[in-house]
Amino acid sequence: MTIKIALLRSGERVISDIQEMVVSEKTIGYFFNKPCLVSTRKPASNPPGSFQIKLAPWIPVTKQTKIPVINDWVVTLVDPIDDLVKMYKTQILGDDKNEIDQNDSVDEQSDSDQSD
């Protein structure tokens, strides 16, 4: 399982279990399994340096859970912060029985400021 955030040409940030779509040893696109839009906002009531994250179905009117996306639409793929991975696994994949509020607050400093 490879959970990534894809930034699309449309500006949408999509978190998903992403698999490469390969033809003749060349990646031509990706399969997004159970994709969700990631939206963030900084509410006034939270401490400085934190924000709220909301997950919503990427294409809510489809029965498909595995959606093909061609290479040309993907600007970049990045690793999400640990709190977002946990939120996605719990809410979307059902990996954990502990429920998390859909509008979780996340400390902006957690993993995003670390360099590899």
PDB file of N, CA and C in Angstrom:
ATOM      1  N   MET A   1       0.849  -1.176   0.000  1.00  0.00           N
ATOM      2  CA  MET A   1       0.000   0.000   0.000  1.00  0.00           C
ATOM      3  C   MET A   1       0.895   1.238   0.000  1.00  0.00           C
ATOM      4  N   THR A   2       0.610   2.143  -0.922  1.00  0.00           N
ATOM      5  CA  THR A   2       1.370   3.380  -1.019  1.00  0.00           C
ATOM      6  C   THR A   2       0.408   4.558  -0.955  1.00  0.00           C
ATOM      7  N   ILE A   3       0.288   5.151   0.210  1.00  0.00           N
ATOM      8  CA  ILE A   3      -0.609   6.290   0.378  1.00  0.00           C
ATOM      9  C   ILE A   3       0.176   7.556   0.083  1.00  0.00           C
ATOM     10  N   LYS A   4      -0.311   8.296  -0.907  1.00  0.00           N
ATOM     11  CA  LYS A   4       0.336   9.524  -1.356  1.00  0.00           C
ATOM     12  C   LYS A   4      -0.716  10.613  -1.525  1.00  0.00           C
ATOM     13  N   ILE A   5      -0.228  11.849  -1.588  1.00  0.00           N
ATOM     14  CA  ILE A   5      -1.071  12.964  -2.001  1.00  0.00           C
ATOM     15  C   ILE A   5      -0.636  13.324  -3.409  1.00  0.00           C
ATOM     16  N   ALA A   6      -1.598  13.378  -4.321  1.00  0.00           N
ATOM     17  CA  ALA A   6      -1.336  13.785  -5.692  1.00  0.00           C
ATOM     18  C   ALA A   6      -1.846  15.207  -5.866  1.00  0.00           C
ATOM     19  N   LEU A   7      -0.969  16.072  -6.344  1.00  0.00           N
ATOM     20  CA  LEU A   7      -1.394  17.408  -6.741  1.00  0.00           C
ATOM     21  C   LEU A   7      -1.710  17.321  -8.222  1.00  0.00           C
ATOM     22  N   LEU A   8      -2.951  17.628  -8.570  1.00  0.00           N
ATOM     23  CA  LEU A   8      -3.382  17.522  -9.954  1.00  0.00           C
ATOM     24  C   LEU A   8      -3.298  18.867 -10.661  1.00  0.00           C
ATOM     25  N   ARG A   9      -3.295  18.845 -11.976  1.00  0.00           N
ATOM     26  CA  ARG A   9      -3.246  20.088 -12.762  1.00  0.00           C
ATOM     27  C   ARG A   9      -4.402  21.005 -12.430  1.00  0.00           C
ATOM     28  N   SER A  10      -5.508  20.464 -11.994  1.00  0.00           N
ATOM     29  CA  SER A  10      -6.683  21.251 -11.630  1.00  0.00           C
ATOM     30  C   SER A  10      -6.483  21.995 -10.314  1.00  0.00           C
ATOM     31  N   GLY A  11      -5.410  21.658  -9.584  1.00  0.00           N
ATOM     32  CA  GLY A  11      -5.157  22.252  -8.277  1.00  0.00           C
ATOM     33  C   GLY A  11      -5.687  21.411  -7.127  1.00  0.00           C
ATOM     34  N   GLU A  12      -6.404  20.352  -7.433  1.00  0.00           N
ATOM     35  CA  GLU A  12      -6.944  19.480  -6.398  1.00  0.00           C
ATOM     36  C   GLU A  12      -5.821  18.682  -5.748  1.00  0.00           C
ATOM     37  N   ARG A  13      -5.939  18.488  -4.430  1.00  0.00           N
ATOM     38  CA  ARG A  13      -5.031  17.623  -3.684  1.00  0.00           C
ATOM     39  C   ARG A  13      -5.816  16.373  -3.332  1.00  0.00           C
ATOM     40  N   VAL A  14      -5.352  15.236  -3.838  1.00  0.00           N
ATOM     41  CA  VAL A  14      -6.070  13.975  -3.668  1.00  0.00           C
ATOM     42  C   VAL A  14      -5.179  13.002  -2.910  1.00  0.00           C
ATOM     43  N   ILE A  15      -5.712  12.474  -1.803  1.00  0.00           N
ATOM     44  CA  ILE A  15      -4.996  11.431  -1.073  1.00  0.00           C
ATOM     45  C   ILE A  15      -5.607  10.094  -1.480  1.00  0.00           C
ATOM     46  N   SER A  16      -4.723   9.112  -1.667  1.00  0.00           N
ATOM     47  CA  SER A  16      -5.193   7.822  -2.125  1.00  0.00           C
ATOM     48  C   SER A  16      -4.108   6.773  -1.943  1.00  0.00           C
ATOM     49  N   ASP A  17      -4.536   5.528  -1.986  1.00  0.00           N
ATOM     50  CA  ASP A  17      -3.597   4.422  -2.132  1.00  0.00           C
ATOM     51  C   ASP A  17      -3.315   4.388  -3.631  1.00  0.00           C
ATOM     52  N   ILE A  18      -2.112   4.795  -4.040  1.00  0.00           N
ATOM     53  CA  ILE A  18      -1.804   5.007  -5.448  1.00  0.00           C
ATOM     54  C   ILE A  18      -0.905   3.897  -5.984  1.00  0.00           C
ATOM     55  N   GLN A  19      -1.274   3.385  -7.155  1.00  0.00           N
ATOM     56  CA  GLN A  19      -0.482   2.369  -7.844  1.00  0.00           C
ATOM     57  C   GLN A  19      -0.165   2.881  -9.246  1.00  0.00           C
ATOM     58  N   GLU A  20       1.028   2.592  -9.718  1.00  0.00           N
ATOM     59  CA  GLU A  20       1.408   2.995 -11.068  1.00  0.00           C
ATOM     60  C   GLU A  20       0.670   2.169 -12.110  1.00  0.00           C
ATOM     61  N   MET A  21       0.315   2.816 -13.220  1.00  0.00           N
ATOM     62  CA  MET A  21      -0.261   2.160 -14.376  1.00  0.00           C
ATOM     63  C   MET A  21       0.882   2.039 -15.388  1.00  0.00           C
ATOM     64  N   VAL A  22       1.381   0.830 -15.589  1.00  0.00           N
ATOM     65  CA  VAL A  22       2.583   0.614 -16.392  1.00  0.00           C
ATOM     66  C   VAL A  22       2.244  -0.162 -17.668  1.00  0.00           C
ATOM     67  N   VAL A  23       2.768   0.344 -18.798  1.00  0.00           N
ATOM     68  CA  VAL A  23       2.652  -0.337 -20.091  1.00  0.00           C
ATOM     69  C   VAL A  23       4.029  -0.338 -20.717  1.00  0.00           C
ATOM     70  N   SER A  24       4.502  -1.491 -21.091  1.00  0.00           N
ATOM     71  CA  SER A  24       5.835  -1.646 -21.701  1.00  0.00           C
ATOM     72  C   SER A  24       6.914  -0.962 -20.867  1.00  0.00           C
ATOM     73  N   GLU A  25       6.888  -1.215 -19.571  1.00  0.00           N
ATOM     74  CA  GLU A  25       7.861  -0.689 -18.608  1.00  0.00           C
ATOM     75  C   GLU A  25       7.869   0.838 -18.502  1.00  0.00           C
ATOM     76  N   LYS A  26       6.798   1.486 -18.940  1.00  0.00           N
ATOM     77  CA  LYS A  26       6.693   2.940 -18.838  1.00  0.00           C
ATOM     78  C   LYS A  26       5.434   3.297 -18.046  1.00  0.00           C
ATOM     79  N   THR A  27       5.586   4.189 -17.068  1.00  0.00           N
ATOM     80  CA  THR A  27       4.436   4.630 -16.292  1.00  0.00           C
ATOM     81  C   THR A  27       3.622   5.608 -17.146  1.00  0.00           C
ATOM     82  N   ILE A  28       2.371   5.220 -17.427  1.00  0.00           N
ATOM     83  CA  ILE A  28       1.504   6.078 -18.248  1.00  0.00           C
ATOM     84  C   ILE A  28       0.422   6.764 -17.415  1.00  0.00           C
ATOM     85  N   GLY A  29       0.336   6.394 -16.164  1.00  0.00           N
ATOM     86  CA  GLY A  29      -0.673   6.976 -15.289  1.00  0.00           C
ATOM     87  C   GLY A  29      -0.673   6.269 -13.949  1.00  0.00           C
ATOM     88  N   TYR A  30      -1.741   6.485 -13.213  1.00  0.00           N
ATOM     89  CA  TYR A  30      -1.854   5.929 -11.872  1.00  0.00           C
ATOM     90  C   TYR A  30      -3.274   5.445 -11.626  1.00  0.00           C
ATOM     91  N   PHE A  31      -3.390   4.479 -10.750  1.00  0.00           N
ATOM     92  CA  PHE A  31      -4.688   4.060 -10.240  1.00  0.00           C
ATOM     93  C   PHE A  31      -4.831   4.644  -8.848  1.00  0.00           C
ATOM     94  N   PHE A  32      -5.875   5.416  -8.630  1.00  0.00           N
ATOM     95  CA  PHE A  32      -6.188   5.978  -7.315  1.00  0.00           C
ATOM     96  C   PHE A  32      -7.246   5.083  -6.688  1.00  0.00           C
ATOM     97  N   ASN A  33      -6.899   4.411  -5.598  1.00  0.00           N
ATOM     98  CA  ASN A  33      -7.833   3.541  -4.896  1.00  0.00           C
ATOM     99  C   ASN A  33      -8.439   4.304  -3.722  1.00  0.00           C
ATOM    100  N   LYS A  34      -9.750   4.455  -3.742  1.00  0.00           N
ATOM    101  CA  LYS A  34     -10.505   5.191  -2.720  1.00  0.00           C
ATOM    102  C   LYS A  34      -9.952   6.615  -2.539  1.00  0.00           C
ATOM    103  N   PRO A  35      -9.916   7.394  -3.620  1.00  0.00           N
ATOM    104  CA  PRO A  35      -9.363   8.745  -3.549  1.00  0.00           C
ATOM    105  C   PRO A  35     -10.273   9.726  -2.819  1.00  0.00           C
ATOM    106  N   CYS A  36      -9.642  10.647  -2.094  1.00  0.00           N
ATOM    107  CA  CYS A  36     -10.368  11.701  -1.378  1.00  0.00           C
ATOM    108  C   CYS A  36      -9.689  13.046  -1.598  1.00  0.00           C
ATOM    109  N   LEU A  37     -10.507  14.077  -1.712  1.00  0.00           N
ATOM    110  CA  LEU A  37      -9.987  15.437  -1.742  1.00  0.00           C
ATOM    111  C   LEU A  37      -9.511  15.800  -0.352  1.00  0.00           C
ATOM    112  N   VAL A  38      -8.397  16.504  -0.287  1.00  0.00           N
ATOM    113  CA  VAL A  38      -7.866  16.981   0.983  1.00  0.00           C
ATOM    114  C   VAL A  38      -8.032  18.498   0.988  1.00  0.00           C
ATOM    115  N   SER A  39      -8.792  18.999   1.947  1.00  0.00           N
ATOM    116  CA  SER A  39      -8.900  20.449   2.078  1.00  0.00           C
ATOM    117  C   SER A  39      -8.421  20.839   3.473  1.00  0.00           C
ATOM    118  N   THR A  40      -7.792  22.000   3.546  1.00  0.00           N
ATOM    119  CA  THR A  40      -7.266  22.483   4.822  1.00  0.00           C
ATOM    120  C   THR A  40      -7.723  23.906   5.043  1.00  0.00           C
ATOM    121  N   ARG A  41      -7.798  24.262   6.316  1.00  0.00           N
ATOM    122  CA  ARG A  41      -8.076  25.649   6.678  1.00  0.00           C
ATOM    123  C   ARG A  41      -7.511  25.906   8.063  1.00  0.00           C
ATOM    124  N   LYS A  42      -7.217  27.165   8.313  1.00  0.00           N
ATOM    125  CA  LYS A  42      -6.670  27.572   9.604  1.00  0.00           C
ATOM    126  C   LYS A  42      -7.759  28.319  10.369  1.00  0.00           C
ATOM    127  N   PRO A  43      -8.430  27.639  11.274  1.00  0.00           N
ATOM    128  CA  PRO A  43      -9.472  28.302  12.052  1.00  0.00           C
ATOM    129  C   PRO A  43      -8.876  29.235  13.105  1.00  0.00           C
ATOM    130  N   ALA A  44      -9.593  30.288  13.396  1.00  0.00           N
ATOM    131  CA  ALA A  44      -9.121  31.286  14.363  1.00  0.00           C
ATOM    132  C   ALA A  44      -9.027  30.720  15.778  1.00  0.00           C
ATOM    133  N   SER A  45      -9.840  29.734  16.107  1.00  0.00           N
ATOM    134  CA  SER A  45      -9.893  29.224  17.472  1.00  0.00           C
ATOM    135  C   SER A  45      -8.756  28.264  17.825  1.00  0.00           C
ATOM    136  N   ASN A  46      -8.042  27.758  16.830  1.00  0.00           N
ATOM    137  CA  ASN A  46      -6.963  26.810  17.106  1.00  0.00           C
ATOM    138  C   ASN A  46      -5.658  27.537  17.391  1.00  0.00           C
ATOM    139  N   PRO A  47      -4.721  26.882  18.064  1.00  0.00           N
ATOM    140  CA  PRO A  47      -3.426  27.500  18.348  1.00  0.00           C
ATOM    141  C   PRO A  47      -2.668  27.810  17.060  1.00  0.00           C
ATOM    142  N   PRO A  48      -1.769  28.788  17.107  1.00  0.00           N
ATOM    143  CA  PRO A  48      -0.960  29.096  15.926  1.00  0.00           C
ATOM    144  C   PRO A  48      -0.166  27.872  15.470  1.00  0.00           C
ATOM    145  N   GLY A  49       0.013  27.740  14.165  1.00  0.00           N
ATOM    146  CA  GLY A  49       0.769  26.613  13.632  1.00  0.00           C
ATOM    147  C   GLY A  49      -0.044  25.356  13.429  1.00  0.00           C
ATOM    148  N   SER A  50      -1.363  25.428  13.585  1.00  0.00           N
ATOM    149  CA  SER A  50      -2.190  24.244  13.356  1.00  0.00           C
ATOM    150  C   SER A  50      -3.247  24.572  12.303  1.00  0.00           C
ATOM    151  N   PHE A  51      -3.845  23.533  11.763  1.00  0.00           N
ATOM    152  CA  PHE A  51      -4.895  23.700  10.768  1.00  0.00           C
ATOM    153  C   PHE A  51      -5.843  22.513  10.829  1.00  0.00           C
ATOM    154  N   GLN A  52      -6.998  22.666  10.211  1.00  0.00           N
ATOM    155  CA  GLN A  52      -7.963  21.582  10.156  1.00  0.00           C
ATOM    156  C   GLN A  52      -7.909  20.930   8.778  1.00  0.00           C
ATOM    157  N   ILE A  53      -8.081  19.624   8.773  1.00  0.00           N
ATOM    158  CA  ILE A  53      -8.080  18.859   7.531  1.00  0.00           C
ATOM    159  C   ILE A  53      -9.440  18.200   7.373  1.00  0.00           C
ATOM    160  N   LYS A  54      -9.949  18.250   6.153  1.00  0.00           N
ATOM    161  CA  LYS A  54     -11.208  17.589   5.847  1.00  0.00           C
ATOM    162  C   LYS A  54     -11.009  16.695   4.637  1.00  0.00           C
ATOM    163  N   LEU A  55     -11.520  15.476   4.706  1.00  0.00           N
ATOM    164  CA  LEU A  55     -11.487  14.543   3.589  1.00  0.00           C
ATOM    165  C   LEU A  55     -12.888  14.423   3.012  1.00  0.00           C
ATOM    166  N   ALA A  56     -12.972  14.423   1.686  1.00  0.00           N
ATOM    167  CA  ALA A  56     -14.249  14.248   1.000  1.00  0.00           C
ATOM    168  C   ALA A  56     -14.009  13.365  -0.225  1.00  0.00           C
ATOM    169  N   PRO A  57     -14.989  12.559  -0.605  1.00  0.00           N
ATOM    170  CA  PRO A  57     -14.808  11.721  -1.788  1.00  0.00           C
ATOM    171  C   PRO A  57     -14.412  12.572  -2.997  1.00  0.00           C
ATOM    172  N   TRP A  58     -13.456  12.080  -3.786  1.00  0.00           N
ATOM    173  CA  TRP A  58     -12.980  12.851  -4.940  1.00  0.00           C
ATOM    174  C   TRP A  58     -14.047  12.919  -6.025  1.00  0.00           C
ATOM    175  N   ILE A  59     -14.614  11.781  -6.406  1.00  0.00           N
ATOM    176  CA  ILE A  59     -15.709  11.756  -7.377  1.00  0.00           C
ATOM    177  C   ILE A  59     -16.868  11.015  -6.710  1.00  0.00           C
ATOM    178  N   PRO A  60     -17.692  11.739  -5.976  1.00  0.00           N
ATOM    179  CA  PRO A  60     -18.696  11.085  -5.142  1.00  0.00           C
ATOM    180  C   PRO A  60     -19.832  10.396  -5.903  1.00  0.00           C
ATOM    181  N   VAL A  61     -19.955  10.640  -7.191  1.00  0.00           N
ATOM    182  CA  VAL A  61     -21.081  10.078  -7.936  1.00  0.00           C
ATOM    183  C   VAL A  61     -20.716   8.812  -8.730  1.00  0.00           C
ATOM    184  N   THR A  62     -19.579   8.199  -8.409  1.00  0.00           N
ATOM    185  CA  THR A  62     -19.188   6.969  -9.103  1.00  0.00           C
ATOM    186  C   THR A  62     -19.258   5.768  -8.167  1.00  0.00           C
ATOM    187  N   LYS A  63     -19.466   4.598  -8.765  1.00  0.00           N
ATOM    188  CA  LYS A  63     -19.416   3.348  -7.999  1.00  0.00           C
ATOM    189  C   LYS A  63     -17.995   2.830  -7.902  1.00  0.00           C
ATOM    190  N   GLN A  64     -17.120   3.310  -8.782  1.00  0.00           N
ATOM    191  CA  GLN A  64     -15.747   2.827  -8.821  1.00  0.00           C
ATOM    192  C   GLN A  64     -14.983   3.247  -7.573  1.00  0.00           C
ATOM    193  N   THR A  65     -14.145   2.332  -7.097  1.00  0.00           N
ATOM    194  CA  THR A  65     -13.249   2.679  -5.989  1.00  0.00           C
ATOM    195  C   THR A  65     -11.814   2.801  -6.477  1.00  0.00           C
ATOM    196  N   LYS A  66     -11.547   2.324  -7.681  1.00  0.00           N
ATOM    197  CA  LYS A  66     -10.207   2.396  -8.278  1.00  0.00           C
ATOM    198  C   LYS A  66     -10.326   3.207  -9.568  1.00  0.00           C
ATOM    199  N   ILE A  67      -9.764   4.416  -9.563  1.00  0.00           N
ATOM    200  CA  ILE A  67      -9.952   5.349 -10.674  1.00  0.00           C
ATOM    201  C   ILE A  67      -8.625   5.590 -11.389  1.00  0.00           C
ATOM    202  N   PRO A  68      -8.608   5.373 -12.726  1.00  0.00           N
ATOM    203  CA  PRO A  68      -7.378   5.632 -13.479  1.00  0.00           C
ATOM    204  C   PRO A  68      -7.198   7.125 -13.732  1.00  0.00           C
ATOM    205  N   VAL A  69      -5.952   7.598 -13.619  1.00  0.00           N
ATOM    206  CA  VAL A  69      -5.610   8.997 -13.869  1.00  0.00           C
ATOM    207  C   VAL A  69      -4.361   8.997 -14.753  1.00  0.00           C
ATOM    208  N   ILE A  70      -4.427   9.698 -15.882  1.00  0.00           N
ATOM    209  CA  ILE A  70      -3.271   9.704 -16.778  1.00  0.00           C
ATOM    210  C   ILE A  70      -2.160  10.596 -16.233  1.00  0.00           C
ATOM    211  N   ASN A  71      -0.949  10.275 -16.648  1.00  0.00           N
ATOM    212  CA  ASN A  71       0.260  10.985 -16.198  1.00  0.00           C
ATOM    213  C   ASN A  71       0.175  12.496 -16.355  1.00  0.00           C
ATOM    214  N   ASP A  72      -0.386  12.955 -17.473  1.00  0.00           N
ATOM    215  CA  ASP A  72      -0.431  14.387 -17.770  1.00  0.00           C
ATOM    216  C   ASP A  72      -1.183  15.206 -16.725  1.00  0.00           C
ATOM    217  N   TRP A  73      -2.052  14.583 -15.953  1.00  0.00           N
ATOM    218  CA  TRP A  73      -2.841  15.324 -14.971  1.00  0.00           C
ATOM    219  C   TRP A  73      -2.196  15.374 -13.596  1.00  0.00           C
ATOM    220  N   VAL A  74      -1.149  14.606 -13.391  1.00  0.00           N
ATOM    221  CA  VAL A  74      -0.484  14.569 -12.087  1.00  0.00           C
ATOM    222  C   VAL A  74       0.732  15.496 -12.128  1.00  0.00           C
ATOM    223  N   VAL A  75       0.713  16.542 -11.294  1.00  0.00           N
ATOM    224  CA  VAL A  75       1.827  17.478 -11.212  1.00  0.00           C
ATOM    225  C   VAL A  75       2.933  16.873 -10.365  1.00  0.00           C
ATOM    226  N   THR A  76       2.567  16.343  -9.189  1.00  0.00           N
ATOM    227  CA  THR A  76       3.545  15.727  -8.303  1.00  0.00           C
ATOM    228  C   THR A  76       2.838  14.787  -7.333  1.00  0.00           C
ATOM    229  N   LEU A  77       3.621  13.867  -6.773  1.00  0.00           N
ATOM    230  CA  LEU A  77       3.156  12.961  -5.723  1.00  0.00           C
ATOM    231  C   LEU A  77       4.039  13.189  -4.508  1.00  0.00           C
ATOM    232  N   VAL A  78       3.423  13.348  -3.338  1.00  0.00           N
ATOM    233  CA  VAL A  78       4.176  13.584  -2.110  1.00  0.00           C
ATOM    234  C   VAL A  78       3.650  12.683  -0.999  1.00  0.00           C
ATOM    235  N   ASP A  79       4.501  12.492   0.021  1.00  0.00           N
ATOM    236  CA  ASP A  79       4.113  11.713   1.188  1.00  0.00           C
ATOM    237  C   ASP A  79       3.321  12.595   2.140  1.00  0.00           C
ATOM    238  N   PRO A  80       2.143  12.147   2.577  1.00  0.00           N
ATOM    239  CA  PRO A  80       1.375  12.923   3.556  1.00  0.00           C
ATOM    240  C   PRO A  80       1.982  12.825   4.953  1.00  0.00           C
ATOM    241  N   ILE A  81       1.662  13.802   5.802  1.00  0.00           N
ATOM    242  CA  ILE A  81       2.109  13.746   7.192  1.00  0.00           C
ATOM    243  C   ILE A  81       1.446  12.553   7.883  1.00  0.00           C
ATOM    244  N   ASP A  82       2.061  12.069   8.948  1.00  0.00           N
ATOM    245  CA  ASP A  82       1.587  10.864   9.637  1.00  0.00           C
ATOM    246  C   ASP A  82       0.146  10.980  10.121  1.00  0.00           C
ATOM    247  N   ASP A  83      -0.225  12.142  10.649  1.00  0.00           N
ATOM    248  CA  ASP A  83      -1.601  12.321  11.141  1.00  0.00           C
ATOM    249  C   ASP A  83      -2.625  12.180  10.015  1.00  0.00           C
ATOM    250  N   LEU A  84      -2.289  12.646   8.826  1.00  0.00           N
ATOM    251  CA  LEU A  84      -3.203  12.530   7.691  1.00  0.00           C
ATOM    252  C   LEU A  84      -3.297  11.084   7.214  1.00  0.00           C
ATOM    253  N   VAL A  85      -2.183  10.363   7.213  1.00  0.00           N
ATOM    254  CA  VAL A  85      -2.214   8.940   6.845  1.00  0.00           C
ATOM    255  C   VAL A  85      -3.123   8.187   7.807  1.00  0.00           C
ATOM    256  N   LYS A  86      -2.978   8.455   9.096  1.00  0.00           N
ATOM    257  CA  LYS A  86      -3.818   7.790  10.107  1.00  0.00           C
ATOM    258  C   LYS A  86      -5.294   8.124   9.892  1.00  0.00           C
ATOM    259  N   MET A  87      -5.572   9.386   9.618  1.00  0.00           N
ATOM    260  CA  MET A  87      -6.949   9.830   9.371  1.00  0.00           C
ATOM    261  C   MET A  87      -7.535   9.120   8.141  1.00  0.00           C
ATOM    262  N   TYR A  88      -6.754   9.050   7.062  1.00  0.00           N
ATOM    263  CA  TYR A  88      -7.205   8.395   5.830  1.00  0.00           C
ATOM    264  C   TYR A  88      -7.441   6.903   6.064  1.00  0.00           C
ATOM    265  N   LYS A  89      -6.502   6.245   6.723  1.00  0.00           N
ATOM    266  CA  LYS A  89      -6.656   4.814   6.991  1.00  0.00           C
ATOM    267  C   LYS A  89      -7.875   4.532   7.861  1.00  0.00           C
ATOM    268  N   THR A  90      -8.093   5.361   8.852  1.00  0.00           N
ATOM    269  CA  THR A  90      -9.212   5.152   9.774  1.00  0.00           C
ATOM    270  C   THR A  90     -10.559   5.445   9.117  1.00  0.00           C
ATOM    271  N   GLN A  91     -10.674   6.611   8.520  1.00  0.00           N
ATOM    272  CA  GLN A  91     -11.971   7.047   7.977  1.00  0.00           C
ATOM    273  C   GLN A  91     -12.322   6.403   6.648  1.00  0.00           C
ATOM    274  N   ILE A  92     -11.343   6.230   5.779  1.00  0.00           N
ATOM    275  CA  ILE A  92     -11.627   5.781   4.419  1.00  0.00           C
ATOM    276  C   ILE A  92     -11.379   4.288   4.232  1.00  0.00           C
ATOM    277  N   LEU A  93     -10.256   3.811   4.693  1.00  0.00           N
ATOM    278  CA  LEU A  93      -9.920   2.401   4.509  1.00  0.00           C
ATOM    279  C   LEU A  93     -10.464   1.511   5.614  1.00  0.00           C
ATOM    280  N   GLY A  94     -10.828   2.122   6.752  1.00  0.00           N
ATOM    281  CA  GLY A  94     -11.376   1.350   7.865  1.00  0.00           C
ATOM    282  C   GLY A  94     -10.354   0.456   8.535  1.00  0.00           C
ATOM    283  N   ASP A  95      -9.072   0.853   8.505  1.00  0.00           N
ATOM    284  CA  ASP A  95      -8.001   0.042   9.095  1.00  0.00           C
ATOM    285  C   ASP A  95      -7.991   0.048  10.616  1.00  0.00           C
ATOM    286  N   ASP A  96      -8.584   1.054  11.226  1.00  0.00           N
ATOM    287  CA  ASP A  96      -8.511   1.202  12.674  1.00  0.00           C
ATOM    288  C   ASP A  96      -9.931   1.361  13.204  1.00  0.00           C
ATOM    289  N   LYS A  97     -10.212   0.775  14.325  1.00  0.00           N
ATOM    290  CA  LYS A  97     -11.546   0.876  14.910  1.00  0.00           C
ATOM    291  C   LYS A  97     -11.751   2.179  15.679  1.00  0.00           C
ATOM    292  N   ASN A  98     -10.659   2.891  15.987  1.00  0.00           N
ATOM    293  CA  ASN A  98     -10.773   4.172  16.684  1.00  0.00           C
ATOM    294  C   ASN A  98     -11.208   5.238  15.710  1.00  0.00           C
ATOM    295  N   GLU A  99     -12.300   5.933  16.023  1.00  0.00           N
ATOM    296  CA  GLU A  99     -12.794   6.964  15.129  1.00  0.00           C
ATOM    297  C   GLU A  99     -12.081   8.280  15.371  1.00  0.00           C
ATOM    298  N   ILE A 100     -11.884   9.028  14.290  1.00  0.00           N
ATOM    299  CA  ILE A 100     -11.279  10.352  14.347  1.00  0.00           C
ATOM    300  C   ILE A 100     -12.289  11.333  13.786  1.00  0.00           C
ATOM    301  N   ASP A 101     -12.409  12.496  14.403  1.00  0.00           N
ATOM    302  CA  ASP A 101     -13.298  13.531  13.908  1.00  0.00           C
ATOM    303  C   ASP A 101     -12.903  13.900  12.491  1.00  0.00           C
ATOM    304  N   GLN A 102     -13.880  14.088  11.604  1.00  0.00           N
ATOM    305  CA  GLN A 102     -13.600  14.373  10.200  1.00  0.00           C
ATOM    306  C   GLN A 102     -12.873  15.701  10.010  1.00  0.00           C
ATOM    307  N   ASN A 103     -13.002  16.625  10.925  1.00  0.00           N
ATOM    308  CA  ASN A 103     -12.310  17.903  10.840  1.00  0.00           C
ATOM    309  C   ASN A 103     -11.197  17.954  11.867  1.00  0.00           C
ATOM    310  N   ASP A 104     -10.285  17.004  11.789  1.00  0.00           N
ATOM    311  CA  ASP A 104      -9.188  16.930  12.750  1.00  0.00           C
ATOM    312  C   ASP A 104      -8.265  18.123  12.651  1.00  0.00           C
ATOM    313  N   SER A 105      -7.759  18.551  13.797  1.00  0.00           N
ATOM    314  CA  SER A 105      -6.725  19.578  13.825  1.00  0.00           C
ATOM    315  C   SER A 105      -5.377  18.884  13.759  1.00  0.00           C
ATOM    316  N   VAL A 106      -4.483  19.455  12.993  1.00  0.00           N
ATOM    317  CA  VAL A 106      -3.160  18.874  12.818  1.00  0.00           C
ATOM    318  C   VAL A 106      -2.138  19.961  13.039  1.00  0.00           C
ATOM    319  N   ASP A 107      -1.081  19.629  13.756  1.00  0.00           N
ATOM    320  CA  ASP A 107       0.004  20.574  13.970  1.00  0.00           C
ATOM    321  C   ASP A 107       0.829  20.656  12.695  1.00  0.00           C
ATOM    322  N   GLU A 108       0.879  21.843  12.114  1.00  0.00           N
ATOM    323  CA  GLU A 108       1.578  22.083  10.858  1.00  0.00           C
ATOM    324  C   GLU A 108       3.049  21.715  10.942  1.00  0.00           C
ATOM    325  N   GLN A 109       3.633  21.787  12.129  1.00  0.00           N
ATOM    326  CA  GLN A 109       5.050  21.545  12.312  1.00  0.00           C
ATOM    327  C   GLN A 109       5.401  20.060  12.287  1.00  0.00           C
ATOM    328  N   SER A 110       4.429  19.161  12.472  1.00  0.00           N
ATOM    329  CA  SER A 110       4.708  17.749  12.728  1.00  0.00           C
ATOM    330  C   SER A 110       5.719  17.128  11.772  1.00  0.00           C
ATOM    331  N   ASP A 111       5.386  16.891  10.511  1.00  0.00           N
ATOM    332  CA  ASP A 111       6.320  16.268   9.587  1.00  0.00           C
ATOM    333  C   ASP A 111       6.670  17.182   8.422  1.00  0.00           C
ATOM    334  N   SER A 112       5.871  18.192   8.207  1.00  0.00           N
ATOM    335  CA  SER A 112       6.050  19.009   7.011  1.00  0.00           C
ATOM    336  C   SER A 112       7.325  19.847   7.047  1.00  0.00           C
ATOM    337  N   ASP A 113       7.902  20.110   8.232  1.00  0.00           N
ATOM    338  CA  ASP A 113       9.097  20.915   8.311  1.00  0.00           C
ATOM    339  C   ASP A 113      10.372  20.089   8.330  1.00  0.00           C
ATOM    340  N   GLN A 114      10.234  18.776   8.309  1.00  0.00           N
ATOM    341  CA  GLN A 114      11.417  17.926   8.334  1.00  0.00           C
ATOM    342  C   GLN A 114      11.907  17.717   6.922  1.00  0.00           C
ATOM    343  N   SER A 115      13.204  17.701   6.735  1.00  0.00           N
ATOM    344  CA  SER A 115      13.748  17.420   5.401  1.00  0.00           C
ATOM    345  C   SER A 115      14.373  16.041   5.390  1.00  0.00           C
ATOM    346  N   ASP A 116      14.397  15.443   4.206  1.00  0.00           N
ATOM    347  CA  ASP A 116      14.953  14.087   4.069  1.00  0.00           C
ATOM    348  C   ASP A 116      16.449  14.099   3.996  1.00  0.00           C
TER     349      ASP A 116
END
